[in-house]
Amino acid sequence: MTALILEVFRLNGRLITAGDRLVADLGLTSARWQVLGALANAERPESIAWHARTMGHHRQGVQRIANELKKEGIVEFKPNPHHKRAQLVVLTSKGQNLYDSAIALQAPWVNSLSSGLPMKEIASAKRVIEHLKTHLELESENDR
């Protein structure tokens, strides 16, 4: 398991570097792209804290990125009917277009990256990663 975890760390670093290169011409970084993806794929508008938990990041880091994106008109904050201080964050039309442009670049890249890998192996790797993630989330909840 340790060897697998070390490979995941190495993969993560390479994915961030490749992602940065892939979306650089759009004015994005992997971190900004990840926040856009969380917003674009959310079922409904959510707070920064909710997105940070879902992404496995610290709230402060996601807040910093969201604030930068707001200044550029990519996201906006809306009142949260359930919490006065924790505003909801949503993509603007500019943000949605930017996310769509990133995905248009990502699709051929990911298809090339996965070339030659059987779907069964990809699904198996996904299950292992989901198991580890769930276990770590439960540990984190128990530590509170």
Protein backbone atom coordinates (compact mmCIF):
# COMPACT_ATOMS: atom_id res chain seq x y z
CA MET A 1 0.00 0.00 0.00
CA THR A 2 2.88 2.37 0.77
CA ALA A 3 4.25 1.90 -2.75
CA LEU A 4 0.80 2.68 -4.19
CA ILE A 5 0.49 5.83 -2.06
CA LEU A 6 3.94 7.02 -3.15
CA GLU A 7 2.96 6.48 -6.80
CA VAL A 8 -0.26 8.45 -6.23
CA PHE A 9 1.80 11.34 -4.77
CA ARG A 10 4.09 11.26 -7.81
CA LEU A 11 1.11 11.05 -10.16
CA ASN A 12 -0.56 13.98 -8.41
CA GLY A 13 2.50 16.16 -8.96
CA ARG A 14 2.69 15.24 -12.63
CA LEU A 15 -1.05 15.78 -13.12
CA ILE A 16 -0.82 19.26 -11.59
CA THR A 17 2.13 20.16 -13.82
CA ALA A 18 0.41 18.77 -16.93
CA GLY A 19 -2.86 20.48 -15.99
CA ASP A 20 -1.09 23.80 -15.52
CA ARG A 21 0.42 23.48 -18.99
CA LEU A 22 -2.85 22.37 -20.56
CA VAL A 23 -4.91 25.37 -19.38
CA ALA A 24 -2.20 28.06 -19.15
CA ASP A 25 -3.34 29.79 -22.35
CA LEU A 26 -6.80 30.15 -20.79
CA GLY A 27 -5.32 32.03 -17.84
CA LEU A 28 -5.92 29.09 -15.52
CA THR A 29 -3.84 26.94 -13.22
CA SER A 30 -4.72 23.44 -12.09
CA ALA A 31 -5.90 24.89 -8.76
CA ARG A 32 -8.21 27.42 -10.40
CA TRP A 33 -9.45 24.76 -12.83
CA GLN A 34 -10.21 22.42 -9.94
CA VAL A 35 -12.32 25.10 -8.23
CA LEU A 36 -14.17 25.80 -11.50
CA GLY A 37 -14.80 22.07 -11.86
CA ALA A 38 -16.20 21.81 -8.34
CA LEU A 39 -18.58 24.67 -9.04
CA ALA A 40 -19.55 23.42 -12.49
CA ASN A 41 -20.27 19.91 -11.23
CA ALA A 42 -22.12 20.82 -8.04
CA GLU A 43 -25.80 19.90 -8.03
CA ARG A 44 -26.68 23.32 -6.60
CA PRO A 45 -24.87 26.45 -5.37
CA GLU A 46 -22.82 25.73 -2.25
CA SER A 47 -20.54 27.60 0.13
CA ILE A 48 -16.76 27.74 -0.09
CA ALA A 49 -16.51 25.52 3.00
CA TRP A 50 -18.69 22.86 1.36
CA HIS A 51 -16.60 22.91 -1.83
CA ALA A 52 -13.37 22.77 0.16
CA ARG A 53 -14.57 19.67 2.05
CA THR A 54 -15.68 18.01 -1.19
CA MET A 55 -12.33 18.76 -2.84
CA GLY A 56 -10.32 17.71 0.22
CA HIS A 57 -8.73 21.16 0.57
CA HIS A 58 -8.56 23.81 3.27
CA ARG A 59 -11.32 26.40 3.18
CA GLN A 60 -8.83 29.27 3.21
CA GLY A 61 -7.11 28.08 0.03
CA VAL A 62 -10.36 27.66 -1.85
CA GLN A 63 -11.56 31.05 -0.54
CA ARG A 64 -8.38 32.74 -1.82
CA ILE A 65 -8.85 31.26 -5.29
CA ALA A 66 -12.57 32.11 -5.34
CA ASN A 67 -11.78 35.71 -4.37
CA GLU A 68 -9.31 35.96 -7.27
CA LEU A 69 -11.86 34.46 -9.66
CA LYS A 70 -14.51 36.92 -8.43
CA LYS A 71 -12.23 39.87 -9.22
CA GLU A 72 -11.99 38.54 -12.78
CA GLY A 73 -15.75 38.06 -13.16
CA ILE A 74 -15.45 34.26 -13.32
CA VAL A 75 -17.46 33.54 -10.17
CA GLU A 76 -19.89 35.48 -8.04
CA PHE A 77 -21.09 35.22 -4.48
CA LYS A 78 -24.78 35.02 -3.66
CA PRO A 79 -26.64 35.19 -0.35
CA ASN A 80 -27.02 31.88 1.44
CA PRO A 81 -30.54 31.48 2.88
CA HIS A 82 -29.18 28.97 5.42
CA HIS A 83 -26.20 30.96 6.69
CA LYS A 84 -25.72 34.72 6.78
CA ARG A 85 -21.91 34.76 6.54
CA ALA A 86 -21.20 31.70 4.35
CA GLN A 87 -22.18 32.98 0.92
CA LEU A 88 -22.82 30.65 -1.99
CA VAL A 89 -20.34 30.71 -4.86
CA VAL A 90 -21.43 30.15 -8.46
CA LEU A 91 -19.92 30.40 -11.92
CA THR A 92 -20.81 33.40 -14.02
CA SER A 93 -21.44 32.89 -17.74
CA LYS A 94 -17.79 33.90 -18.28
CA GLY A 95 -16.78 31.24 -15.75
CA GLN A 96 -18.91 28.56 -17.40
CA ASN A 97 -17.42 29.41 -20.81
CA LEU A 98 -13.92 29.23 -19.33
CA TYR A 99 -14.65 25.86 -17.74
CA ASP A 100 -16.11 24.56 -21.03
CA SER A 101 -12.96 25.69 -22.86
CA ALA A 102 -10.78 23.85 -20.34
CA ILE A 103 -12.83 20.67 -20.76
CA ALA A 104 -12.54 20.95 -24.54
CA LEU A 105 -8.75 20.86 -24.09
CA GLN A 106 -8.90 18.13 -21.46
CA ALA A 107 -10.98 15.58 -23.39
CA PRO A 108 -8.43 14.75 -26.13
CA TRP A 109 -5.57 14.91 -23.60
CA VAL A 110 -7.21 12.43 -21.22
CA ASN A 111 -8.15 10.14 -24.12
CA SER A 112 -4.51 10.08 -25.20
CA LEU A 113 -3.34 9.55 -21.63
CA SER A 114 -5.63 6.55 -21.16
CA SER A 115 -4.87 5.01 -24.55
CA GLY A 116 -4.23 1.29 -24.23
CA LEU A 117 -5.67 0.98 -20.73
CA PRO A 118 -8.57 -1.46 -20.49
CA MET A 119 -11.73 0.08 -19.00
CA LYS A 120 -11.79 -2.74 -16.44
CA GLU A 121 -8.40 -1.67 -15.06
CA ILE A 122 -9.43 1.99 -14.96
CA ALA A 123 -12.59 1.06 -13.05
CA SER A 124 -10.57 -1.08 -10.64
CA ALA A 125 -8.10 1.74 -9.94
CA LYS A 126 -11.01 4.13 -9.39
CA ARG A 127 -12.53 1.75 -6.82
CA VAL A 128 -9.24 1.50 -4.91
CA ILE A 129 -8.85 5.28 -4.85
CA GLU A 130 -12.48 5.76 -3.74
CA HIS A 131 -11.99 3.21 -0.95
CA LEU A 132 -8.88 4.98 0.34
CA LYS A 133 -10.55 8.40 0.09
CA THR A 134 -13.63 7.22 1.98
CA HIS A 135 -11.50 5.64 4.71
CA LEU A 136 -9.48 8.85 5.11
CA GLU A 137 -12.67 10.95 5.24
CA LEU A 138 -14.09 8.72 8.00
CA GLU A 139 -10.83 8.98 9.97
CA SER A 140 -10.95 12.76 9.61
CA GLU A 141 -14.55 12.91 10.85
CA ASN A 142 -13.70 10.71 13.85
CA ASP A 143 -10.81 13.05 14.78
CA ARG A 144 -13.18 16.01 15.21
